[in-house]
């Protein structure tokens, strides 16, 4: 069995392009998507398997599925350096 956490996915929905046609909802094999007030939204994002059927079938390019990046592991003792910060900002 794998020690890696299950993959998760982000749903980028461009509401101004969505016309509420329900095609993405109908093609989702895991029933992740739903319509609310005439626009699509990810009702159950934790069920997404990343097949991108919603993205591929949307006639208006209103939805995009991306793999969620896992948070970097800071280590048990916090010894890893954050190289985004200037050196003087670190308490070493």
PDB file of N, CA and C in Angstrom:
ATOM      1  N   UNK A   1       0.835  -1.182   0.000  1.00  0.00           N
ATOM      2  CA  UNK A   1       0.000   0.000   0.000  1.00  0.00           C
ATOM      3  C   UNK A   1       0.881   1.248   0.000  1.00  0.00           C
ATOM      4  N   UNK A   2       0.462   2.269  -0.673  1.00  0.00           N
ATOM      5  CA  UNK A   2       1.246   3.491  -0.842  1.00  0.00           C
ATOM      6  C   UNK A   2       1.129   4.385   0.395  1.00  0.00           C
ATOM      7  N   UNK A   3       2.254   5.053   0.742  1.00  0.00           N
ATOM      8  CA  UNK A   3       2.254   5.999   1.854  1.00  0.00           C
ATOM      9  C   UNK A   3       1.840   7.394   1.409  1.00  0.00           C
ATOM     10  N   UNK A   4       1.656   7.585   0.123  1.00  0.00           N
ATOM     11  CA  UNK A   4       1.295   8.899  -0.392  1.00  0.00           C
ATOM     12  C   UNK A   4      -0.194   9.159  -0.179  1.00  0.00           C
ATOM     13  N   UNK A   5      -0.546  10.412   0.156  1.00  0.00           N
ATOM     14  CA  UNK A   5      -1.968  10.735   0.310  1.00  0.00           C
ATOM     15  C   UNK A   5      -2.656  10.672  -1.054  1.00  0.00           C
ATOM     16  N   UNK A   6      -3.958  10.453  -1.062  1.00  0.00           N
ATOM     17  CA  UNK A   6      -4.672  10.416  -2.340  1.00  0.00           C
ATOM     18  C   UNK A   6      -4.574  11.758  -3.049  1.00  0.00           C
ATOM     19  N   UNK A   7      -4.539  11.720  -4.363  1.00  0.00           N
ATOM     20  CA  UNK A   7      -4.465  12.961  -5.141  1.00  0.00           C
ATOM     21  C   UNK A   7      -5.766  13.730  -4.999  1.00  0.00           C
ATOM     22  N   UNK A   8      -5.643  15.032  -4.980  1.00  0.00           N
ATOM     23  CA  UNK A   8      -6.831  15.877  -4.959  1.00  0.00           C
ATOM     24  C   UNK A   8      -6.749  16.841  -6.134  1.00  0.00           C
ATOM     25  N   UNK A   9      -7.892  17.360  -6.515  1.00  0.00           N
ATOM     26  CA  UNK A   9      -7.970  18.189  -7.709  1.00  0.00           C
ATOM     27  C   UNK A   9      -8.719  19.478  -7.411  1.00  0.00           C
ATOM     28  N   UNK A  10      -8.292  20.538  -8.073  1.00  0.00           N
ATOM     29  CA  UNK A  10      -8.953  21.834  -7.988  1.00  0.00           C
ATOM     30  C   UNK A  10      -9.814  22.027  -9.227  1.00  0.00           C
ATOM     31  N   UNK A  11     -10.961  22.621  -9.041  1.00  0.00           N
ATOM     32  CA  UNK A  11     -11.860  22.911 -10.157  1.00  0.00           C
ATOM     33  C   UNK A  11     -11.895  24.415 -10.355  1.00  0.00           C
ATOM     34  N   UNK A  12     -11.326  24.884 -11.440  1.00  0.00           N
ATOM     35  CA  UNK A  12     -11.345  26.303 -11.773  1.00  0.00           C
ATOM     36  C   UNK A  12     -12.560  26.521 -12.663  1.00  0.00           C
ATOM     37  N   UNK A  13     -13.503  27.281 -12.152  1.00  0.00           N
ATOM     38  CA  UNK A  13     -14.754  27.507 -12.881  1.00  0.00           C
ATOM     39  C   UNK A  13     -14.858  28.978 -13.240  1.00  0.00           C
ATOM     40  N   UNK A  14     -14.976  29.237 -14.515  1.00  0.00           N
ATOM     41  CA  UNK A  14     -15.128  30.605 -15.022  1.00  0.00           C
ATOM     42  C   UNK A  14     -16.633  30.871 -15.168  1.00  0.00           C
ATOM     43  N   UNK A  15     -17.202  31.424 -14.120  1.00  0.00           N
ATOM     44  CA  UNK A  15     -18.652  31.589 -14.060  1.00  0.00           C
ATOM     45  C   UNK A  15     -19.204  32.440 -15.185  1.00  0.00           C
ATOM     46  N   UNK A  16     -18.447  33.431 -15.616  1.00  0.00           N
ATOM     47  CA  UNK A  16     -18.986  34.295 -16.669  1.00  0.00           C
ATOM     48  C   UNK A  16     -19.099  33.562 -18.011  1.00  0.00           C
ATOM     49  N   UNK A  17     -18.358  32.466 -18.186  1.00  0.00           N
ATOM     50  CA  UNK A  17     -18.468  31.668 -19.410  1.00  0.00           C
ATOM     51  C   UNK A  17     -19.518  30.569 -19.295  1.00  0.00           C
ATOM     52  N   UNK A  18     -19.838  30.169 -18.073  1.00  0.00           N
ATOM     53  CA  UNK A  18     -20.784  29.072 -17.857  1.00  0.00           C
ATOM     54  C   UNK A  18     -22.205  29.527 -18.183  1.00  0.00           C
ATOM     55  N   UNK A  19     -22.847  28.774 -19.057  1.00  0.00           N
ATOM     56  CA  UNK A  19     -24.232  29.088 -19.394  1.00  0.00           C
ATOM     57  C   UNK A  19     -25.208  28.110 -18.755  1.00  0.00           C
ATOM     58  N   UNK A  20     -24.699  27.226 -17.898  1.00  0.00           N
ATOM     59  CA  UNK A  20     -25.562  26.291 -17.180  1.00  0.00           C
ATOM     60  C   UNK A  20     -26.167  25.220 -18.052  1.00  0.00           C
ATOM     61  N   UNK A  21     -25.428  24.749 -19.045  1.00  0.00           N
ATOM     62  CA  UNK A  21     -25.965  23.770 -19.990  1.00  0.00           C
ATOM     63  C   UNK A  21     -26.068  22.360 -19.397  1.00  0.00           C
ATOM     64  N   UNK A  22     -25.378  22.105 -18.259  1.00  0.00           N
ATOM     65  CA  UNK A  22     -25.442  20.832 -17.545  1.00  0.00           C
ATOM     66  C   UNK A  22     -24.646  19.697 -18.198  1.00  0.00           C
ATOM     67  N   UNK A  23     -23.908  19.962 -19.258  1.00  0.00           N
ATOM     68  CA  UNK A  23     -23.145  18.914 -19.935  1.00  0.00           C
ATOM     69  C   UNK A  23     -22.054  18.367 -19.020  1.00  0.00           C
ATOM     70  N   UNK A  24     -21.315  19.244 -18.357  1.00  0.00           N
ATOM     71  CA  UNK A  24     -20.237  18.786 -17.474  1.00  0.00           C
ATOM     72  C   UNK A  24     -20.798  17.963 -16.317  1.00  0.00           C
ATOM     73  N   UNK A  25     -21.930  18.364 -15.793  1.00  0.00           N
ATOM     74  CA  UNK A  25     -22.569  17.633 -14.695  1.00  0.00           C
ATOM     75  C   UNK A  25     -22.964  16.243 -15.164  1.00  0.00           C
ATOM     76  N   UNK A  26     -23.520  16.144 -16.360  1.00  0.00           N
ATOM     77  CA  UNK A  26     -23.967  14.864 -16.890  1.00  0.00           C
ATOM     78  C   UNK A  26     -22.813  13.913 -17.185  1.00  0.00           C
ATOM     79  N   UNK A  27     -21.675  14.424 -17.619  1.00  0.00           N
ATOM     80  CA  UNK A  27     -20.548  13.569 -17.987  1.00  0.00           C
ATOM     81  C   UNK A  27     -19.648  13.181 -16.815  1.00  0.00           C
ATOM     82  N   UNK A  28     -19.776  13.829 -15.665  1.00  0.00           N
ATOM     83  CA  UNK A  28     -18.914  13.528 -14.518  1.00  0.00           C
ATOM     84  C   UNK A  28     -19.249  12.135 -13.978  1.00  0.00           C
ATOM     85  N   UNK A  29     -18.287  11.186 -14.045  1.00  0.00           N
ATOM     86  CA  UNK A  29     -18.579   9.823 -13.598  1.00  0.00           C
ATOM     87  C   UNK A  29     -18.737   9.698 -12.080  1.00  0.00           C
ATOM     88  N   UNK A  30     -18.217  10.644 -11.315  1.00  0.00           N
ATOM     89  CA  UNK A  30     -18.284  10.578  -9.853  1.00  0.00           C
ATOM     90  C   UNK A  30     -19.304  11.547  -9.261  1.00  0.00           C
ATOM     91  N   UNK A  31     -20.053  12.244 -10.096  1.00  0.00           N
ATOM     92  CA  UNK A  31     -21.082  13.192  -9.650  1.00  0.00           C
ATOM     93  C   UNK A  31     -20.512  14.262  -8.725  1.00  0.00           C
ATOM     94  N   UNK A  32     -19.368  14.810  -9.128  1.00  0.00           N
ATOM     95  CA  UNK A  32     -18.693  15.858  -8.366  1.00  0.00           C
ATOM     96  C   UNK A  32     -19.392  17.195  -8.550  1.00  0.00           C
ATOM     97  N   UNK A  33     -19.874  17.446  -9.745  1.00  0.00           N
ATOM     98  CA  UNK A  33     -20.404  18.768 -10.110  1.00  0.00           C
ATOM     99  C   UNK A  33     -21.918  18.848  -9.954  1.00  0.00           C
ATOM    100  N   UNK A  34     -22.392  20.069  -9.763  1.00  0.00           N
ATOM    101  CA  UNK A  34     -23.822  20.346  -9.690  1.00  0.00           C
ATOM    102  C   UNK A  34     -24.052  21.770 -10.176  1.00  0.00           C
ATOM    103  N   UNK A  35     -25.303  22.080 -10.464  1.00  0.00           N
ATOM    104  CA  UNK A  35     -25.675  23.441 -10.846  1.00  0.00           C
ATOM    105  C   UNK A  35     -26.313  24.130  -9.650  1.00  0.00           C
ATOM    106  N   UNK A  36     -25.940  25.389  -9.469  1.00  0.00           N
ATOM    107  CA  UNK A  36     -26.525  26.205  -8.412  1.00  0.00           C
ATOM    108  C   UNK A  36     -26.735  27.594  -8.988  1.00  0.00           C
ATOM    109  N   UNK A  37     -27.947  28.049  -8.975  1.00  0.00           N
ATOM    110  CA  UNK A  37     -28.310  29.353  -9.543  1.00  0.00           C
ATOM    111  C   UNK A  37     -27.893  29.450 -11.008  1.00  0.00           C
ATOM    112  N   UNK A  38     -27.989  28.343 -11.740  1.00  0.00           N
ATOM    113  CA  UNK A  38     -27.695  28.337 -13.158  1.00  0.00           C
ATOM    114  C   UNK A  38     -26.215  28.266 -13.516  1.00  0.00           C
ATOM    115  N   UNK A  39     -25.339  28.043 -12.539  1.00  0.00           N
ATOM    116  CA  UNK A  39     -23.889  27.948 -12.777  1.00  0.00           C
ATOM    117  C   UNK A  39     -23.364  26.660 -12.158  1.00  0.00           C
ATOM    118  N   UNK A  40     -22.319  26.115 -12.753  1.00  0.00           N
ATOM    119  CA  UNK A  40     -21.728  24.881 -12.242  1.00  0.00           C
ATOM    120  C   UNK A  40     -20.826  25.179 -11.047  1.00  0.00           C
ATOM    121  N   UNK A  41     -20.760  24.241 -10.111  1.00  0.00           N
ATOM    122  CA  UNK A  41     -19.808  24.332  -9.003  1.00  0.00           C
ATOM    123  C   UNK A  41     -19.461  22.916  -8.558  1.00  0.00           C
ATOM    124  N   UNK A  42     -18.316  22.785  -7.915  1.00  0.00           N
ATOM    125  CA  UNK A  42     -17.852  21.486  -7.435  1.00  0.00           C
ATOM    126  C   UNK A  42     -18.507  21.204  -6.089  1.00  0.00           C
ATOM    127  N   UNK A  43     -19.565  20.422  -6.105  1.00  0.00           N
ATOM    128  CA  UNK A  43     -20.320  20.118  -4.894  1.00  0.00           C
ATOM    129  C   UNK A  43     -19.592  19.100  -4.012  1.00  0.00           C
ATOM    130  N   UNK A  44     -18.913  18.125  -4.635  1.00  0.00           N
ATOM    131  CA  UNK A  44     -18.174  17.090  -3.909  1.00  0.00           C
ATOM    132  C   UNK A  44     -16.766  16.947  -4.476  1.00  0.00           C
ATOM    133  N   UNK A  45     -15.895  17.948  -4.307  1.00  0.00           N
ATOM    134  CA  UNK A  45     -14.574  17.920  -4.953  1.00  0.00           C
ATOM    135  C   UNK A  45     -13.682  16.774  -4.479  1.00  0.00           C
ATOM    136  N   UNK A  46     -13.893  16.266  -3.277  1.00  0.00           N
ATOM    137  CA  UNK A  46     -13.070  15.169  -2.753  1.00  0.00           C
ATOM    138  C   UNK A  46     -13.297  13.857  -3.494  1.00  0.00           C
ATOM    139  N   UNK A  47     -14.386  13.757  -4.278  1.00  0.00           N
ATOM    140  CA  UNK A  47     -14.657  12.545  -5.055  1.00  0.00           C
ATOM    141  C   UNK A  47     -13.995  12.557  -6.435  1.00  0.00           C
ATOM    142  N   UNK A  48     -13.461  13.693  -6.846  1.00  0.00           N
ATOM    143  CA  UNK A  48     -12.897  13.848  -8.195  1.00  0.00           C
ATOM    144  C   UNK A  48     -11.722  12.900  -8.410  1.00  0.00           C
ATOM    145  N   UNK A  49     -11.714  12.234  -9.572  1.00  0.00           N
ATOM    146  CA  UNK A  49     -10.624  11.323  -9.934  1.00  0.00           C
ATOM    147  C   UNK A  49      -9.707  11.931 -10.993  1.00  0.00           C
ATOM    148  N   UNK A  50      -9.979  13.153 -11.404  1.00  0.00           N
ATOM    149  CA  UNK A  50      -9.121  13.848 -12.356  1.00  0.00           C
ATOM    150  C   UNK A  50      -9.245  13.375 -13.785  1.00  0.00           C
ATOM    151  N   UNK A  51     -10.376  12.831 -14.167  1.00  0.00           N
ATOM    152  CA  UNK A  51     -10.552  12.332 -15.540  1.00  0.00           C
ATOM    153  C   UNK A  51     -10.694  13.466 -16.556  1.00  0.00           C
ATOM    154  N   UNK A  52     -11.084  14.637 -16.094  1.00  0.00           N
ATOM    155  CA  UNK A  52     -11.257  15.848 -16.912  1.00  0.00           C
ATOM    156  C   UNK A  52     -12.366  15.740 -17.959  1.00  0.00           C
ATOM    157  N   UNK A  53     -13.305  14.825 -17.754  1.00  0.00           N
ATOM    158  CA  UNK A  53     -14.428  14.727 -18.697  1.00  0.00           C
ATOM    159  C   UNK A  53     -15.227  16.021 -18.723  1.00  0.00           C
ATOM    160  N   UNK A  54     -15.372  16.670 -17.574  1.00  0.00           N
ATOM    161  CA  UNK A  54     -16.111  17.932 -17.528  1.00  0.00           C
ATOM    162  C   UNK A  54     -15.399  18.995 -18.357  1.00  0.00           C
ATOM    163  N   UNK A  55     -14.085  19.057 -18.210  1.00  0.00           N
ATOM    164  CA  UNK A  55     -13.285  20.039 -18.944  1.00  0.00           C
ATOM    165  C   UNK A  55     -13.337  19.766 -20.451  1.00  0.00           C
ATOM    166  N   UNK A  56     -13.223  18.513 -20.825  1.00  0.00           N
ATOM    167  CA  UNK A  56     -13.206  18.144 -22.246  1.00  0.00           C
ATOM    168  C   UNK A  56     -14.549  18.349 -22.922  1.00  0.00           C
ATOM    169  N   UNK A  57     -15.638  18.164 -22.178  1.00  0.00           N
ATOM    170  CA  UNK A  57     -16.974  18.248 -22.768  1.00  0.00           C
ATOM    171  C   UNK A  57     -17.602  19.638 -22.708  1.00  0.00           C
ATOM    172  N   UNK A  58     -17.046  20.530 -21.919  1.00  0.00           N
ATOM    173  CA  UNK A  58     -17.637  21.869 -21.796  1.00  0.00           C
ATOM    174  C   UNK A  58     -17.494  22.625 -23.115  1.00  0.00           C
ATOM    175  N   UNK A  59     -18.606  23.022 -23.725  1.00  0.00           N
ATOM    176  CA  UNK A  59     -18.527  23.722 -25.006  1.00  0.00           C
ATOM    177  C   UNK A  59     -18.023  25.163 -24.890  1.00  0.00           C
ATOM    178  N   UNK A  60     -17.996  25.693 -23.668  1.00  0.00           N
ATOM    179  CA  UNK A  60     -17.624  27.093 -23.469  1.00  0.00           C
ATOM    180  C   UNK A  60     -16.309  27.272 -22.723  1.00  0.00           C
ATOM    181  N   UNK A  61     -15.575  26.180 -22.497  1.00  0.00           N
ATOM    182  CA  UNK A  61     -14.282  26.227 -21.785  1.00  0.00           C
ATOM    183  C   UNK A  61     -14.427  26.923 -20.434  1.00  0.00           C
ATOM    184  N   UNK A  62     -15.528  26.630 -19.746  1.00  0.00           N
ATOM    185  CA  UNK A  62     -15.810  27.298 -18.481  1.00  0.00           C
ATOM    186  C   UNK A  62     -15.243  26.565 -17.272  1.00  0.00           C
ATOM    187  N   UNK A  63     -14.710  25.365 -17.464  1.00  0.00           N
ATOM    188  CA  UNK A  63     -14.199  24.604 -16.329  1.00  0.00           C
ATOM    189  C   UNK A  63     -12.835  24.012 -16.655  1.00  0.00           C
ATOM    190  N   UNK A  64     -11.986  23.999 -15.648  1.00  0.00           N
ATOM    191  CA  UNK A  64     -10.643  23.435 -15.787  1.00  0.00           C
ATOM    192  C   UNK A  64     -10.348  22.628 -14.527  1.00  0.00           C
ATOM    193  N   UNK A  65      -9.753  21.459 -14.700  1.00  0.00           N
ATOM    194  CA  UNK A  65      -9.400  20.604 -13.567  1.00  0.00           C
ATOM    195  C   UNK A  65      -7.884  20.567 -13.474  1.00  0.00           C
ATOM    196  N   UNK A  66      -7.370  20.880 -12.280  1.00  0.00           N
ATOM    197  CA  UNK A  66      -5.923  20.875 -12.040  1.00  0.00           C
ATOM    198  C   UNK A  66      -5.617  19.988 -10.849  1.00  0.00           C
ATOM    199  N   UNK A  67      -4.472  19.333 -10.898  1.00  0.00           N
ATOM    200  CA  UNK A  67      -4.025  18.566  -9.741  1.00  0.00           C
ATOM    201  C   UNK A  67      -3.627  19.546  -8.645  1.00  0.00           C
ATOM    202  N   UNK A  68      -4.125  19.321  -7.452  1.00  0.00           N
ATOM    203  CA  UNK A  68      -3.778  20.181  -6.320  1.00  0.00           C
ATOM    204  C   UNK A  68      -2.377  19.829  -5.862  1.00  0.00           C
ATOM    205  N   UNK A  69      -1.567  20.833  -5.664  1.00  0.00           N
ATOM    206  CA  UNK A  69      -0.193  20.619  -5.198  1.00  0.00           C
ATOM    207  C   UNK A  69      -0.216  20.359  -3.705  1.00  0.00           C
ATOM    208  N   UNK A  70       0.421  19.284  -3.247  1.00  0.00           N
ATOM    209  CA  UNK A  70       0.460  19.040  -1.808  1.00  0.00           C
ATOM    210  C   UNK A  70       1.331  20.074  -1.104  1.00  0.00           C
ATOM    211  N   UNK A  71       0.987  20.347   0.134  1.00  0.00           N
ATOM    212  CA  UNK A  71       1.780  21.280   0.930  1.00  0.00           C
ATOM    213  C   UNK A  71       3.163  20.676   1.152  1.00  0.00           C
ATOM    214  N   UNK A  72       4.217  21.460   1.012  1.00  0.00           N
ATOM    215  CA  UNK A  72       5.553  20.915   1.244  1.00  0.00           C
ATOM    216  C   UNK A  72       5.721  20.507   2.699  1.00  0.00           C
ATOM    217  N   UNK A  73       6.377  19.375   2.906  1.00  0.00           N
ATOM    218  CA  UNK A  73       6.614  18.866   4.251  1.00  0.00           C
ATOM    219  C   UNK A  73       7.743  19.670   4.883  1.00  0.00           C
ATOM    220  N   UNK A  74       7.461  20.300   5.995  1.00  0.00           N
ATOM    221  CA  UNK A  74       8.453  21.138   6.666  1.00  0.00           C
ATOM    222  C   UNK A  74       9.410  20.325   7.527  1.00  0.00           C
ATOM    223  N   UNK A  75       9.173  19.039   7.647  1.00  0.00           N
ATOM    224  CA  UNK A  75      10.055  18.201   8.462  1.00  0.00           C
ATOM    225  C   UNK A  75       9.640  18.247   9.919  1.00  0.00           C
ATOM    226  N   UNK A  76      10.023  17.234  10.658  1.00  0.00           N
ATOM    227  CA  UNK A  76       9.624  17.133  12.060  1.00  0.00           C
ATOM    228  C   UNK A  76      10.255  18.225  12.904  1.00  0.00           C
ATOM    229  N   UNK A  77      11.475  18.647  12.579  1.00  0.00           N
ATOM    230  CA  UNK A  77      12.151  19.644  13.407  1.00  0.00           C
ATOM    231  C   UNK A  77      12.143  21.038  12.788  1.00  0.00           C
ATOM    232  N   UNK A  78      11.522  21.210  11.635  1.00  0.00           N
ATOM    233  CA  UNK A  78      11.450  22.518  11.000  1.00  0.00           C
ATOM    234  C   UNK A  78      12.785  23.014  10.489  1.00  0.00           C
ATOM    235  N   UNK A  79      13.711  22.103  10.205  1.00  0.00           N
ATOM    236  CA  UNK A  79      15.067  22.488   9.827  1.00  0.00           C
ATOM    237  C   UNK A  79      15.182  22.932   8.375  1.00  0.00           C
ATOM    238  N   UNK A  80      14.162  22.716   7.593  1.00  0.00           N
ATOM    239  CA  UNK A  80      14.264  23.096   6.187  1.00  0.00           C
ATOM    240  C   UNK A  80      14.156  24.609   6.037  1.00  0.00           C
ATOM    241  N   UNK A  81      14.941  25.145   5.184  1.00  0.00           N
ATOM    242  CA  UNK A  81      14.982  26.591   4.932  1.00  0.00           C
ATOM    243  C   UNK A  81      13.939  26.963   3.886  1.00  0.00           C
ATOM    244  N   UNK A  82      13.229  28.048   4.097  1.00  0.00           N
ATOM    245  CA  UNK A  82      12.313  28.588   3.113  1.00  0.00           C
ATOM    246  C   UNK A  82      13.110  29.572   2.263  1.00  0.00           C
ATOM    247  N   UNK A  83      13.444  29.180   1.048  1.00  0.00           N
ATOM    248  CA  UNK A  83      14.300  30.003   0.194  1.00  0.00           C
ATOM    249  C   UNK A  83      13.559  31.164  -0.444  1.00  0.00           C
ATOM    250  N   UNK A  84      12.271  31.287  -0.168  1.00  0.00           N
ATOM    251  CA  UNK A  84      11.505  32.439  -0.653  1.00  0.00           C
ATOM    252  C   UNK A  84      11.740  33.666   0.227  1.00  0.00           C
ATOM    253  N   UNK A  85      12.243  33.419   1.433  1.00  0.00           N
ATOM    254  CA  UNK A  85      12.490  34.512   2.372  1.00  0.00           C
ATOM    255  C   UNK A  85      13.956  34.945   2.299  1.00  0.00           C
ATOM    256  N   UNK A  86      14.229  36.206   2.567  1.00  0.00           N
ATOM    257  CA  UNK A  86      15.620  36.625   2.637  1.00  0.00           C
ATOM    258  C   UNK A  86      16.285  35.970   3.866  1.00  0.00           C
ATOM    259  N   UNK A  87      17.583  35.724   3.831  1.00  0.00           N
ATOM    260  CA  UNK A  87      18.261  35.032   4.937  1.00  0.00           C
ATOM    261  C   UNK A  87      18.069  35.708   6.289  1.00  0.00           C
ATOM    262  N   UNK A  88      17.975  37.022   6.303  1.00  0.00           N
ATOM    263  CA  UNK A  88      17.846  37.712   7.594  1.00  0.00           C
ATOM    264  C   UNK A  88      16.478  37.487   8.245  1.00  0.00           C
ATOM    265  N   UNK A  89      15.517  36.970   7.504  1.00  0.00           N
ATOM    266  CA  UNK A  89      14.188  36.729   8.039  1.00  0.00           C
ATOM    267  C   UNK A  89      14.098  35.394   8.781  1.00  0.00           C
ATOM    268  N   UNK A  90      15.122  34.563   8.671  1.00  0.00           N
ATOM    269  CA  UNK A  90      15.116  33.240   9.303  1.00  0.00           C
ATOM    270  C   UNK A  90      15.708  33.324  10.698  1.00  0.00           C
ATOM    271  N   UNK A  91      15.118  32.578  11.618  1.00  0.00           N
ATOM    272  CA  UNK A  91      15.620  32.537  12.996  1.00  0.00           C
ATOM    273  C   UNK A  91      16.515  31.326  13.189  1.00  0.00           C
ATOM    274  N   UNK A  92      17.691  31.340  12.663  1.00  0.00           N
ATOM    275  CA  UNK A  92      18.600  30.188  12.796  1.00  0.00           C
ATOM    276  C   UNK A  92      19.632  30.401  13.845  1.00  0.00           C
TER     277      UNK A  92
END
